[in-house]
C-alpha atoms as a PDB file:
ATOM      1  CA  MET A   1       8.448  -2.664  31.226  1.00  0.00           C
ATOM      2  CA  ILE A   2       9.130  -6.439  32.926  1.00  0.00           C
ATOM      3  CA  PHE A   3       7.518  -5.066  36.506  1.00  0.00           C
ATOM      4  CA  VAL A   4       4.829  -2.450  36.194  1.00  0.00           C
ATOM      5  CA  HIS A   5       3.487  -2.391  32.603  1.00  0.00           C
ATOM      6  CA  GLY A   6       4.092  -6.556  32.451  1.00  0.00           C
ATOM      7  CA  PHE A   7       6.187  -6.329  28.674  1.00  0.00           C
ATOM      8  CA  VAL A   8       9.197  -8.156  28.175  1.00  0.00           C
ATOM      9  CA  HIS A   9      11.586  -7.172  25.192  1.00  0.00           C
ATOM     10  CA  GLY A  10      13.673 -10.442  25.169  1.00  0.00           C
ATOM     11  CA  ASP A  11      16.135  -8.942  22.668  1.00  0.00           C
ATOM     12  CA  PRO A  12      17.587  -5.881  24.226  1.00  0.00           C
ATOM     13  CA  HIS A  13      20.888  -5.185  23.252  1.00  0.00           C
ATOM     14  CA  PRO A  14      22.484  -1.967  21.199  1.00  0.00           C
ATOM     15  CA  GLY A  15      21.843  -3.224  18.138  1.00  0.00           C
ATOM     16  CA  ASN A  16      17.713  -3.174  18.766  1.00  0.00           C
ATOM     17  CA  ILE A  17      17.735  -0.402  20.955  1.00  0.00           C
ATOM     18  CA  LEU A  18      18.620   3.275  20.939  1.00  0.00           C
ATOM     19  CA  VAL A  19      18.518   5.788  23.994  1.00  0.00           C
ATOM     20  CA  SER A  20      17.548   9.363  22.725  1.00  0.00           C
ATOM     21  CA  PRO A  21      18.112  12.192  25.289  1.00  0.00           C
ATOM     22  CA  GLU A  22      16.089  15.036  25.631  1.00  0.00           C
ATOM     23  CA  GLY A  23      17.477  16.958  27.653  1.00  0.00           C
ATOM     24  CA  HIS A  24      17.182  17.892  31.275  1.00  0.00           C
ATOM     25  CA  GLY A  25      18.268  14.848  32.282  1.00  0.00           C
ATOM     26  CA  LYS A  26      15.248  13.179  30.557  1.00  0.00           C
ATOM     27  CA  PHE A  27      15.238  10.776  27.823  1.00  0.00           C
ATOM     28  CA  SER A  28      13.545   7.873  25.400  1.00  0.00           C
ATOM     29  CA  LEU A  29      13.874   4.608  24.521  1.00  0.00           C
ATOM     30  CA  VAL A  30      13.408   3.757  20.872  1.00  0.00           C
ATOM     31  CA  LEU A  31      13.381  -0.106  19.503  1.00  0.00           C
ATOM     32  CA  LEU A  32      14.801  -0.113  16.532  1.00  0.00           C
ATOM     33  CA  ASP A  33      14.012  -3.509  16.043  1.00  0.00           C
ATOM     34  CA  HIS A  34      11.057  -5.672  17.172  1.00  0.00           C
ATOM     35  CA  GLY A  35      12.521  -9.534  17.575  1.00  0.00           C
ATOM     36  CA  ILE A  36      11.253 -11.599  21.043  1.00  0.00           C
ATOM     37  CA  TYR A  37       8.073 -10.015  23.034  1.00  0.00           C
ATOM     38  CA  ARG A  38       6.480 -11.781  25.610  1.00  0.00           C
ATOM     39  CA  GLU A  39       3.672 -10.031  27.154  1.00  0.00           C
ATOM     40  CA  LEU A  40       3.419 -11.367  30.807  1.00  0.00           C
ATOM     41  CA  ASP A  41       0.528 -12.236  32.323  1.00  0.00           C
ATOM     42  CA  GLN A  42      -1.101 -10.198  35.769  1.00  0.00           C
ATOM     43  CA  LYS A  43      -0.497 -12.811  38.751  1.00  0.00           C
ATOM     44  CA  PHE A  44       3.115 -13.914  36.521  1.00  0.00           C
ATOM     45  CA  ARG A  45       3.265  -9.871  37.079  1.00  0.00           C
ATOM     46  CA  LEU A  46       2.852  -9.657  40.647  1.00  0.00           C
ATOM     47  CA  ASP A  47       4.441 -12.996  41.693  1.00  0.00           C
ATOM     48  CA  TYR A  48       7.635 -11.757  39.707  1.00  0.00           C
ATOM     49  CA  CYS A  49       7.545  -7.805  41.896  1.00  0.00           C
ATOM     50  CA  ARG A  50       7.414 -10.226  45.182  1.00  0.00           C
ATOM     51  CA  LEU A  51      10.220 -12.532  44.218  1.00  0.00           C
ATOM     52  CA  TRP A  52      12.388  -9.308  43.406  1.00  0.00           C
ATOM     53  CA  LYS A  53      11.285  -7.377  47.030  1.00  0.00           C
ATOM     54  CA  ALA A  54      11.777 -11.141  48.553  1.00  0.00           C
ATOM     55  CA  LEU A  55      15.662 -11.005  47.066  1.00  0.00           C
ATOM     56  CA  ILE A  56      16.644  -7.878  48.088  1.00  0.00           C
ATOM     57  CA  LEU A  57      15.267  -8.356  51.379  1.00  0.00           C
ATOM     58  CA  LEU A  58      16.764 -11.723  51.256  1.00  0.00           C
ATOM     59  CA  ASP A  59      13.462 -13.143  53.097  1.00  0.00           C
ATOM     60  CA  SER A  60      13.991 -17.025  52.090  1.00  0.00           C
ATOM     61  CA  ASN A  61      10.440 -18.106  53.305  1.00  0.00           C
ATOM     62  CA  LYS A  62       9.353 -15.578  50.707  1.00  0.00           C
ATOM     63  CA  ILE A  63      11.399 -17.137  47.868  1.00  0.00           C
ATOM     64  CA  LEU A  64      10.818 -20.551  48.758  1.00  0.00           C
ATOM     65  CA  GLU A  65       6.861 -19.816  48.332  1.00  0.00           C
ATOM     66  CA  LEU A  66       7.149 -17.973  45.440  1.00  0.00           C
ATOM     67  CA  GLY A  67       9.161 -20.984  44.206  1.00  0.00           C
ATOM     68  CA  GLU A  68       5.896 -22.958  44.789  1.00  0.00           C
ATOM     69  CA  GLN A  69       4.295 -19.905  42.916  1.00  0.00           C
ATOM     70  CA  PHE A  70       6.209 -20.574  39.914  1.00  0.00           C
ATOM     71  CA  GLY A  71       6.381 -24.148  39.872  1.00  0.00           C
ATOM     72  CA  VAL A  72       9.850 -24.987  40.814  1.00  0.00           C
ATOM     73  CA  GLY A  73       9.701 -25.888  43.964  1.00  0.00           C
ATOM     74  CA  LYS A  74      12.935 -27.028  46.365  1.00  0.00           C
ATOM     75  CA  TYR A  75      14.874 -24.808  43.398  1.00  0.00           C
ATOM     76  CA  ALA A  76      13.988 -21.440  44.457  1.00  0.00           C
ATOM     77  CA  LYS A  77      16.839 -21.993  46.664  1.00  0.00           C
ATOM     78  CA  TYR A  78      19.371 -20.952  43.364  1.00  0.00           C
ATOM     79  CA  PHE A  79      17.095 -18.275  42.781  1.00  0.00           C
ATOM     80  CA  PRO A  80      19.397 -15.413  44.903  1.00  0.00           C
ATOM     81  CA  VAL A  81      22.226 -17.385  43.359  1.00  0.00           C
ATOM     82  CA  ILE A  82      20.541 -16.895  39.414  1.00  0.00           C
ATOM     83  CA  PHE A  83      19.431 -12.637  39.932  1.00  0.00           C
ATOM     84  CA  THR A  84      21.497 -11.397  42.427  1.00  0.00           C
ATOM     85  CA  GLY A  85      24.796 -13.636  43.016  1.00  0.00           C
ATOM     86  CA  ARG A  86      24.448 -14.709  46.850  1.00  0.00           C
ATOM     87  CA  THR A  87      23.189 -17.719  48.685  1.00  0.00           C
ATOM     88  CA  ILE A  88      19.686 -17.881  50.162  1.00  0.00           C
ATOM     89  CA  GLU A  89      21.867 -17.806  53.068  1.00  0.00           C
ATOM     90  CA  SER A  90      24.178 -15.968  52.550  1.00  0.00           C
ATOM     91  CA  LYS A  91      25.806 -13.653  55.215  1.00  0.00           C
ATOM     92  CA  SER A  92      27.674 -11.243  52.503  1.00  0.00           C
ATOM     93  CA  ALA A  93      25.919  -7.470  51.447  1.00  0.00           C
ATOM     94  CA  LEU A  94      23.655  -7.146  48.617  1.00  0.00           C
ATOM     95  CA  GLY A  95      25.448  -6.307  45.954  1.00  0.00           C
ATOM     96  CA  THR A  96      29.272  -7.593  46.596  1.00  0.00           C
ATOM     97  CA  GLN A  97      30.522 -10.909  45.914  1.00  0.00           C
ATOM     98  CA  MET A  98      30.191 -14.466  47.985  1.00  0.00           C
ATOM     99  CA  SER A  99      32.701 -14.925  50.841  1.00  0.00           C
ATOM    100  CA  GLY A 100      35.128 -17.616  49.901  1.00  0.00           C
ATOM    101  CA  GLU A 101      33.202 -20.489  52.162  1.00  0.00           C
ATOM    102  CA  GLU A 102      29.636 -19.325  50.565  1.00  0.00           C
ATOM    103  CA  GLN A 103      31.331 -20.057  47.184  1.00  0.00           C
ATOM    104  CA  ARG A 104      32.573 -23.447  49.017  1.00  0.00           C
ATOM    105  CA  ARG A 105      29.440 -24.772  49.801  1.00  0.00           C
ATOM    106  CA  LEU A 106      27.368 -23.747  46.671  1.00  0.00           C
ATOM    107  CA  LYS A 107      30.091 -25.444  44.698  1.00  0.00           C
ATOM    108  CA  GLU A 108      29.858 -28.337  47.019  1.00  0.00           C
ATOM    109  CA  ASP A 109      25.361 -28.077  46.931  1.00  0.00           C
ATOM    110  CA  LEU A 110      25.602 -27.847  42.827  1.00  0.00           C
ATOM    111  CA  ASN A 111      28.366 -31.182  42.378  1.00  0.00           C
ATOM    112  CA  SER A 112      25.838 -32.595  44.316  1.00  0.00           C
ATOM    113  CA  LEU A 113      22.865 -32.003  41.444  1.00  0.00           C
ATOM    114  CA  GLY A 114      22.765 -35.102  38.806  1.00  0.00           C
ATOM    115  CA  MET A 115      21.129 -34.519  35.094  1.00  0.00           C
ATOM    116  CA  ASP A 116      17.755 -35.638  36.120  1.00  0.00           C
ATOM    117  CA  ASP A 117      17.897 -32.145  38.889  1.00  0.00           C
ATOM    118  CA  ILE A 118      18.778 -29.697  36.144  1.00  0.00           C
ATOM    119  CA  SER A 119      16.473 -31.282  33.789  1.00  0.00           C
ATOM    120  CA  SER A 120      13.746 -31.297  36.246  1.00  0.00           C
ATOM    121  CA  PHE A 121      14.316 -27.583  37.420  1.00  0.00           C
ATOM    122  CA  MET A 122      14.140 -26.281  33.550  1.00  0.00           C
ATOM    123  CA  GLU A 123      11.371 -27.924  32.630  1.00  0.00           C
ATOM    124  CA  SER A 124       9.644 -26.890  35.693  1.00  0.00           C
ATOM    125  CA  LEU A 125      10.066 -22.937  34.926  1.00  0.00           C
ATOM    126  CA  PRO A 126       7.097 -21.134  33.211  1.00  0.00           C
ATOM    127  CA  PRO A 127       8.113 -19.796  30.060  1.00  0.00           C
ATOM    128  CA  ASP A 128       7.394 -16.344  30.229  1.00  0.00           C
ATOM    129  CA  PHE A 129      11.112 -17.189  33.325  1.00  0.00           C
ATOM    130  CA  TYR A 130      13.337 -18.219  29.860  1.00  0.00           C
ATOM    131  CA  VAL A 131      12.927 -14.734  28.304  1.00  0.00           C
ATOM    132  CA  ILE A 132      12.683 -12.941  31.610  1.00  0.00           C
ATOM    133  CA  LEU A 133      16.607 -14.848  32.203  1.00  0.00           C
ATOM    134  CA  ARG A 134      17.428 -13.814  28.628  1.00  0.00           C
ATOM    135  CA  THR A 135      16.504 -10.254  29.292  1.00  0.00           C
ATOM    136  CA  ASP A 136      18.603 -10.202  31.976  1.00  0.00           C
ATOM    137  CA  GLY A 137      21.655 -11.558  31.103  1.00  0.00           C
ATOM    138  CA  LEU A 138      21.824  -8.980  28.545  1.00  0.00           C
ATOM    139  CA  LEU A 139      21.062  -6.073  30.565  1.00  0.00           C
ATOM    140  CA  ARG A 140      23.207  -7.111  33.285  1.00  0.00           C
ATOM    141  CA  SER A 141      26.453  -7.855  30.343  1.00  0.00           C
ATOM    142  CA  ILE A 142      25.790  -3.810  29.268  1.00  0.00           C
ATOM    143  CA  LEU A 143      25.768  -2.606  32.609  1.00  0.00           C
ATOM    144  CA  GLY A 144      28.576  -4.741  33.170  1.00  0.00           C
ATOM    145  CA  ASN A 145      30.630  -2.842  29.451  1.00  0.00           C
ATOM    146  CA  LEU A 146      29.608   0.575  31.225  1.00  0.00           C
ATOM    147  CA  GLY A 147      31.005   0.158  34.541  1.00  0.00           C
ATOM    148  CA  ALA A 148      28.076   0.567  36.148  1.00  0.00           C
ATOM    149  CA  PRO A 149      28.424  -0.601  39.761  1.00  0.00           C
ATOM    150  CA  ARG A 150      26.388  -4.052  41.406  1.00  0.00           C
ATOM    151  CA  HIS A 151      24.300  -2.012  43.303  1.00  0.00           C
ATOM    152  CA  VAL A 152      22.694   0.205  40.860  1.00  0.00           C
ATOM    153  CA  ARG A 153      20.302  -2.485  38.580  1.00  0.00           C
ATOM    154  CA  LEU A 154      19.775  -3.866  42.399  1.00  0.00           C
ATOM    155  CA  LEU A 155      18.045  -0.624  42.802  1.00  0.00           C
ATOM    156  CA  THR A 156      16.653   0.186  40.427  1.00  0.00           C
ATOM    157  CA  TYR A 157      14.812  -3.172  40.407  1.00  0.00           C
ATOM    158  CA  ALA A 158      14.166  -2.632  43.539  1.00  0.00           C
ATOM    159  CA  ARG A 159      12.204   0.817  43.003  1.00  0.00           C
ATOM    160  CA  CYS A 160       9.976  -0.743  39.745  1.00  0.00           C
ATOM    161  CA  ALA A 161       9.485  -4.169  41.915  1.00  0.00           C
ATOM    162  CA  ILE A 162       7.599  -1.938  44.446  1.00  0.00           C
ATOM    163  CA  HIS A 163       6.100   0.170  42.008  1.00  0.00           C
ATOM    164  CA  GLY A 164       4.432  -3.065  40.250  1.00  0.00           C
ATOM    165  CA  LEU A 165       3.377  -4.044  43.045  1.00  0.00           C
ATOM    166  CA  GLU A 166       1.165  -0.855  44.239  1.00  0.00           C
ATOM    167  CA  LYS A 167       0.368  -0.467  40.913  1.00  0.00           C
ATOM    168  CA  GLN A 168      -3.017  -2.249  40.740  1.00  0.00           C
ATOM    169  CA  HIS A 169      -4.184  -1.028  43.573  1.00  0.00           C
ATOM    170  CA  LYS A 170      -3.964   2.213  42.712  1.00  0.00           C
ATOM    171  CA  MET A 171      -6.088   1.782  39.658  1.00  0.00           C
ATOM    172  CA  GLU A 172      -8.720   0.262  42.149  1.00  0.00           C
ATOM    173  CA  SER A 173      -9.024   3.284  44.502  1.00  0.00           C
ATOM    174  CA  GLY A 174      -9.748   6.575  44.733  1.00  0.00           C
ATOM    175  CA  ALA A 175      -8.062  10.069  44.536  1.00  0.00           C
ATOM    176  CA  ILE A 176      -7.230  10.181  47.971  1.00  0.00           C
ATOM    177  CA  ARG A 177      -6.337   6.346  48.851  1.00  0.00           C
ATOM    178  CA  ARG A 178      -3.920   6.887  45.556  1.00  0.00           C
ATOM    179  CA  MET A 179      -2.566   9.465  47.382  1.00  0.00           C
ATOM    180  CA  PHE A 180      -1.829   7.662  50.677  1.00  0.00           C
ATOM    181  CA  LEU A 181      -0.350   4.521  48.059  1.00  0.00           C
ATOM    182  CA  ASN A 182       2.204   7.250  46.719  1.00  0.00           C
ATOM    183  CA  VAL A 183       3.441   7.752  49.891  1.00  0.00           C
ATOM    184  CA  LYS A 184       3.702   4.090  50.782  1.00  0.00           C
ATOM    185  CA  THR A 185       5.322   3.172  47.912  1.00  0.00           C
ATOM    186  CA  ASN A 186       7.647   5.802  48.223  1.00  0.00           C
ATOM    187  CA  VAL A 187       8.648   5.067  51.534  1.00  0.00           C
ATOM    188  CA  SER A 188       8.366   1.231  50.810  1.00  0.00           C
ATOM    189  CA  TYR A 189      11.421   1.785  48.431  1.00  0.00           C
ATOM    190  CA  LEU A 190      13.538   4.644  50.841  1.00  0.00           C
ATOM    191  CA  ARG A 191      13.621   1.097  53.339  1.00  0.00           C
ATOM    192  CA  LEU A 192      14.973  -0.799  50.256  1.00  0.00           C
ATOM    193  CA  ARG A 193      16.935   1.180  48.702  1.00  0.00           C
ATOM    194  CA  VAL A 194      18.622   2.444  52.466  1.00  0.00           C
ATOM    195  CA  ILE A 195      19.143  -1.684  52.669  1.00  0.00           C
ATOM    196  CA  ILE A 196      21.079  -1.685  49.936  1.00  0.00           C
ATOM    197  CA  GLU A 197      23.487   1.601  50.524  1.00  0.00           C
ATOM    198  CA  ILE A 198      24.289   0.329  54.386  1.00  0.00           C
ATOM    199  CA  ALA A 199      25.684  -2.873  52.044  1.00  0.00           C
ATOM    200  CA  VAL A 200      27.236  -0.833  49.508  1.00  0.00           C
ATOM    201  CA  LEU A 201      29.236   0.861  52.107  1.00  0.00           C
ATOM    202  CA  LEU A 202      30.059  -2.560  54.439  1.00  0.00           C
ATOM    203  CA  ALA A 203      30.743  -4.341  51.371  1.00  0.00           C
ATOM    204  CA  LYS A 204      33.310  -1.168  50.217  1.00  0.00           C
ATOM    205  CA  ALA A 205      34.478  -0.495  54.243  1.00  0.00           C
ATOM    206  CA  ASN A 206      35.369  -3.932  53.857  1.00  0.00           C
ATOM    207  CA  GLY A 207      37.237  -3.962  50.782  1.00  0.00           C
ATOM    208  CA  ALA A 208      39.096  -1.119  52.281  1.00  0.00           C
ATOM    209  CA  LYS A 209      40.384  -2.584  55.092  1.00  0.00           C
ATOM    210  CA  GLN A 210      41.245  -5.468  53.244  1.00  0.00           C
ATOM    211  CA  LYS A 211      43.579  -3.849  51.551  1.00  0.00           C
ATOM    212  CA  VAL A 212      45.470  -2.256  54.461  1.00  0.00           C
ATOM    213  CA  VAL A 213      45.692  -5.411  55.839  1.00  0.00           C
ATOM    214  CA  ASN A 214      47.584  -6.391  52.778  1.00  0.00           C
ATOM    215  CA  LYS A 215      49.792  -3.217  52.288  1.00  0.00           C
ATOM    216  CA  LEU A 216      50.927  -3.855  56.347  1.00  0.00           C
ATOM    217  CA  ARG A 217      51.562  -7.444  55.263  1.00  0.00           C
ATOM    218  CA  GLN A 218      53.391  -6.260  52.124  1.00  0.00           C
ATOM    219  CA  MET A 219      55.597  -3.564  54.492  1.00  0.00           C
ATOM    220  CA  LEU A 220      56.212  -6.135  57.622  1.00  0.00           C
ATOM    221  CA  GLN A 221      57.095  -9.367  54.581  1.00  0.00           C
ATOM    222  CA  GLU A 222      59.857  -6.306  53.219  1.00  0.00           C
ATOM    223  CA  THR A 223      60.912  -5.214  56.383  1.00  0.00           C
ATOM    224  CA  SER A 224      61.544  -9.283  56.901  1.00  0.00           C
ATOM    225  CA  GLN A 225      63.366  -9.295  53.538  1.00  0.00           C
ATOM    226  CA  GLY A 226      65.489  -6.364  53.695  1.00  0.00           C
ATOM    227  CA  PHE A 227      66.703  -7.044  58.165  1.00  0.00           C
ATOM    228  CA  HIS A 228      67.308 -10.718  57.189  1.00  0.00           C
ATOM    229  CA  ARG A 229      69.955  -9.570  54.113  1.00  0.00           C
ATOM    230  CA  ARG A 230      71.287  -7.489  56.418  1.00  0.00           C
ATOM    231  CA  MET A 231      72.042 -10.075  58.778  1.00  0.00           C
END
């Protein structure tokens, strides 16, 4: 809804939305409670799509440029932390935890901020951003409770952001150009998906490697302790 239609349900917790199965892997969403709604203007919707594309690619220049569009200026460097859990200069794989060094640098950076900085950042955010942040937080909480991997949300956002960017072009184009745009959209999404999937595989490989290292250390410690006891 957000990326393609510019429509935000600001309170999407399980008590407000029902997922009704329709068979063959299909479903429909039933709104049980009509609480907080927001309709985004076209420019904001497109900029938000561009922001997510830049977040997936970690295009720092584009993120900072869009920060100017949203009116947050230098504080745009915190967008990757807020939405994807990594810093704008991060070397960590997308969808994984930050390294200890990155966490340390981020903590130092945040500790250097004063109340004036925090107030300035919050006041500079467009009103639409507050609703989006609330919705995103609720969705992350729901996905976490369901046990969904972190990259599932990122893949979904990437796909919707790409389709949202191409929507306007399709509306203004003829049949042949729409066909071409469909291909372009799918290729763009596949590119982002490959980036995310590779990042996930690398993270799993690093995790498996660390488990092996920890196991070897444990075995060495046990062997050493047994040797000393025999001595």
